[in-house]
Amino acid sequence: MRSLKIWAFTIAFVCLLVGTGLGLPLPATVARAQTALPQDIGSDAALAPLMQPQGPVLLTVQGALAVSNAVASSVGDAPPLRQARFDDQMLAEMPRNSFSTSTIWTRGVIEFEGVDLLTLMNRLGVTEGRLRIRAINDYIAEIPVDELRPGSPLLADRRDGQPMSIREKGPLWLVYPYDSLPEYRNEVAYARSVWQVDRIEVLP
């Protein structure tokens, strides 16, 4: 019996090799394995379950999220709001981006590193609406989701390689590559460059 199974497996394997060489269709499972590509942002990989923060929460994203790790209490008959809470380690493990630029609030050129807002929203399954960026002092700026671009704005958590203190406009500062892209050297981009970010609300 065992020899028959081995013989059957050998025949199937040879047929597979011959079929591949002749350009014949492969079995579905084999075809999927051969054509699988790395999953991009916005695919199922981006919507994998979100771990729980183990350290102090630096950022809370709230609203119509496809992925979350907490629920906010609701008021009245309103449904509970889904939340995604991130600590420093969770942000550090996401795809990172960086650029060097000067700003109108600081001296010299600074290297900023962090997670760009488009990557963060794709991770949470947010593809439309508006983002209300809120600072710890309740300063607010809004950004349409369709204006997000790869790499900008950047939710920076490192300044010249070091974490940013509150005094240094941290721990999270939403910045644009002002020097390299002139379209960000205007009052709209400056008003959206929120420092000391601690909350993002996803609005319709």
Protein backbone atom coordinates (compact mmCIF):
# COMPACT_ATOMS: atom_id res chain seq x y z
CA MET A 1 0.00 0.00 0.00
CA ARG A 2 2.79 2.42 0.90
CA SER A 3 4.59 1.73 -2.40
CA LEU A 4 1.38 2.48 -4.31
CA LYS A 5 1.04 5.86 -2.56
CA ILE A 6 4.65 6.73 -3.36
CA TRP A 7 4.14 5.68 -6.99
CA ALA A 8 0.96 7.77 -7.26
CA PHE A 9 2.70 10.81 -5.78
CA THR A 10 5.60 10.38 -8.23
CA ILE A 11 3.25 10.24 -11.22
CA ALA A 12 1.39 13.35 -10.03
CA PHE A 13 4.65 15.23 -9.54
CA VAL A 14 5.94 14.30 -12.99
CA CYS A 15 2.65 15.36 -14.56
CA LEU A 16 2.89 18.66 -12.79
CA LEU A 17 6.40 19.28 -14.12
CA VAL A 18 5.42 18.31 -17.65
CA GLY A 19 2.29 20.45 -17.52
CA THR A 20 4.30 23.45 -16.37
CA GLY A 21 6.80 23.03 -19.17
CA LEU A 22 4.03 22.78 -21.78
CA GLY A 23 2.22 25.83 -20.46
CA LEU A 24 -0.79 23.81 -19.30
CA PRO A 25 -3.00 25.15 -16.49
CA LEU A 26 -1.76 24.32 -13.04
CA PRO A 27 -3.98 23.11 -10.21
CA ALA A 28 -5.55 26.06 -8.42
CA THR A 29 -3.51 25.65 -5.23
CA VAL A 30 -0.23 25.54 -7.14
CA ALA A 31 -1.21 28.48 -9.33
CA ARG A 32 -2.00 30.59 -6.29
CA ALA A 33 1.34 29.73 -4.73
CA GLN A 34 3.27 30.68 -7.87
CA THR A 35 1.43 33.96 -8.52
CA ALA A 36 1.27 35.20 -4.95
CA LEU A 37 2.85 38.61 -4.58
CA PRO A 38 3.82 40.52 -1.45
CA GLN A 39 0.66 42.11 -0.10
CA ASP A 40 0.58 45.87 -0.43
CA ILE A 41 -0.91 48.48 1.84
CA GLY A 42 -4.66 48.20 1.71
CA SER A 43 -4.62 44.42 1.24
CA ASP A 44 -5.61 41.82 3.83
CA ALA A 45 -2.11 42.05 5.33
CA ALA A 46 -2.72 45.67 6.22
CA LEU A 47 -5.97 44.68 7.94
CA ALA A 48 -4.44 42.04 10.20
CA PRO A 49 -5.53 42.14 13.86
CA LEU A 50 -4.03 44.98 15.86
CA MET A 51 -2.12 44.04 19.00
CA GLN A 52 -2.76 45.67 22.36
CA PRO A 53 -0.38 48.42 23.49
CA GLN A 54 2.00 47.29 26.22
CA GLY A 55 3.40 50.73 27.02
CA PRO A 56 1.91 54.20 27.43
CA VAL A 57 -0.55 55.02 24.66
CA LEU A 58 0.86 57.75 22.41
CA LEU A 59 -1.89 57.85 19.81
CA THR A 60 -5.59 57.00 19.69
CA VAL A 61 -7.38 56.80 16.33
CA GLN A 62 -11.15 56.75 16.61
CA GLY A 63 -14.05 56.35 14.19
CA ALA A 64 -15.15 54.05 11.39
CA LEU A 65 -12.15 51.73 11.48
CA ALA A 66 -11.90 48.31 9.86
CA VAL A 67 -9.27 47.32 12.45
CA SER A 68 -9.29 48.29 16.11
CA ASN A 69 -8.12 47.15 19.53
CA ALA A 70 -10.48 49.12 21.80
CA VAL A 71 -13.99 50.54 21.97
CA ALA A 72 -14.90 54.01 23.23
CA SER A 73 -17.99 54.48 25.36
CA SER A 74 -20.92 55.99 23.46
CA VAL A 75 -23.35 58.74 24.39
CA GLY A 76 -27.07 57.98 24.39
CA ASP A 77 -28.17 55.63 21.63
CA ALA A 78 -25.08 56.20 19.52
CA PRO A 79 -23.15 53.02 18.70
CA PRO A 80 -19.77 52.56 20.40
CA LEU A 81 -16.83 54.01 18.49
CA ARG A 82 -13.99 51.73 17.50
CA GLN A 83 -10.52 52.82 18.54
CA ALA A 84 -6.98 51.92 17.58
CA ARG A 85 -4.50 52.66 20.34
CA PHE A 86 -0.77 52.73 19.65
CA ASP A 87 2.24 52.79 21.92
CA ASP A 88 5.77 53.65 20.84
CA GLN A 89 6.69 50.05 20.02
CA MET A 90 3.64 49.51 17.82
CA LEU A 91 4.45 52.61 15.79
CA ALA A 92 8.10 51.57 15.56
CA GLU A 93 7.10 48.21 14.05
CA MET A 94 5.04 49.77 11.25
CA PRO A 95 6.55 50.65 7.84
CA ARG A 96 8.66 53.75 8.44
CA ASN A 97 9.52 56.80 6.43
CA SER A 98 11.85 59.74 6.93
CA PHE A 99 12.96 63.00 5.37
CA SER A 100 15.09 65.99 6.26
CA THR A 101 13.64 69.47 6.21
CA SER A 102 13.69 72.80 7.95
CA THR A 103 10.50 74.20 9.48
CA ILE A 104 9.25 77.69 10.30
CA TRP A 105 9.18 76.73 13.99
CA THR A 106 12.70 75.37 14.41
CA ARG A 107 16.30 76.17 13.51
CA GLY A 108 18.31 74.31 10.91
CA VAL A 109 17.49 71.13 9.03
CA ILE A 110 15.99 68.26 11.00
CA GLU A 111 15.64 64.61 10.06
CA PHE A 112 12.12 63.45 10.91
CA GLU A 113 11.21 59.78 11.09
CA GLY A 114 7.89 58.09 11.68
CA VAL A 115 4.82 56.58 10.02
CA ASP A 116 3.22 58.53 7.21
CA LEU A 117 -0.47 59.19 7.67
CA LEU A 118 -1.46 57.31 4.52
CA THR A 119 0.22 54.13 5.77
CA LEU A 120 -1.46 54.48 9.15
CA MET A 121 -4.92 54.95 7.64
CA ASN A 122 -4.44 52.03 5.25
CA ARG A 123 -3.43 49.88 8.21
CA LEU A 124 -6.79 50.68 9.80
CA GLY A 125 -8.81 50.32 6.61
CA VAL A 126 -9.66 54.02 6.34
CA THR A 127 -10.00 55.05 2.69
CA GLU A 128 -12.30 58.07 2.73
CA GLY A 129 -13.63 60.90 4.84
CA ARG A 130 -11.75 63.50 6.87
CA LEU A 131 -9.19 63.22 9.62
CA ARG A 132 -9.45 65.53 12.60
CA ILE A 133 -5.96 65.77 14.07
CA ARG A 134 -6.06 66.78 17.73
CA ALA A 135 -3.17 67.91 19.95
CA ILE A 136 -2.90 67.53 23.70
CA ASN A 137 -3.78 71.23 24.07
CA ASP A 138 -6.94 70.63 21.95
CA TYR A 139 -5.62 72.39 18.85
CA ILE A 140 -7.41 70.85 15.85
CA ALA A 141 -6.70 70.58 12.14
CA GLU A 142 -8.58 68.59 9.51
CA ILE A 143 -7.14 66.76 6.50
CA PRO A 144 -9.20 65.02 3.78
CA VAL A 145 -8.15 61.39 3.41
CA ASP A 146 -7.90 61.77 -0.37
CA GLU A 147 -5.16 64.38 0.09
CA LEU A 148 -2.82 61.96 1.84
CA ARG A 149 0.26 60.98 -0.14
CA PRO A 150 2.96 58.32 0.33
CA GLY A 151 5.50 59.83 2.68
CA SER A 152 3.54 62.93 3.62
CA PRO A 153 2.34 64.10 5.92
CA LEU A 154 4.55 62.18 8.31
CA LEU A 155 3.48 61.42 11.85
CA ALA A 156 6.99 61.81 13.19
CA ASP A 157 8.06 60.26 16.47
CA ARG A 158 11.81 60.73 16.00
CA ARG A 159 13.78 63.93 15.52
CA ASP A 160 17.37 63.41 14.42
CA GLY A 161 17.04 59.82 15.56
CA GLN A 162 15.75 60.60 19.05
CA PRO A 163 12.26 60.52 20.57
CA MET A 164 10.70 63.96 20.90
CA SER A 165 9.68 65.35 24.26
CA ILE A 166 6.58 67.49 24.69
CA ARG A 167 8.87 70.52 24.85
CA GLU A 168 10.27 69.48 21.44
CA LYS A 169 6.73 69.31 20.01
CA GLY A 170 6.49 65.57 20.57
CA PRO A 171 5.96 62.81 21.17
CA LEU A 172 4.16 62.96 17.80
CA TRP A 173 4.45 65.80 15.29
CA LEU A 174 2.66 65.85 11.94
CA VAL A 175 5.15 67.32 9.46
CA TYR A 176 5.54 67.76 5.71
CA PRO A 177 8.69 67.80 3.54
CA TYR A 178 8.56 71.60 3.28
CA ASP A 179 12.00 72.01 1.73
CA SER A 180 11.70 69.44 -1.06
CA LEU A 181 8.08 70.11 -2.05
CA PRO A 182 7.12 73.78 -2.47
CA GLU A 183 3.39 72.97 -2.40
CA TYR A 184 3.75 72.41 1.34
CA ARG A 185 5.20 75.86 1.99
CA ASN A 186 1.87 77.55 2.58
CA GLU A 187 -0.53 78.43 5.37
CA VAL A 188 -2.73 75.37 4.79
CA ALA A 189 0.14 72.91 5.31
CA TYR A 190 1.48 74.93 8.24
CA ALA A 191 -1.94 74.90 9.93
CA ARG A 192 -2.12 71.12 9.47
CA SER A 193 1.34 70.59 10.95
CA VAL A 194 0.01 69.70 14.38
CA TRP A 195 2.55 68.96 17.09
CA GLN A 196 1.94 67.06 20.32
CA VAL A 197 -0.63 64.93 18.45
CA ASP A 198 -2.43 62.44 20.66
CA ARG A 199 -5.70 61.72 18.84
CA ILE A 200 -7.04 61.35 15.31
CA GLU A 201 -10.78 61.21 14.66
CA VAL A 202 -12.05 59.70 11.42
CA LEU A 203 -15.05 61.70 10.20
CA PRO A 204 -17.41 61.16 7.25
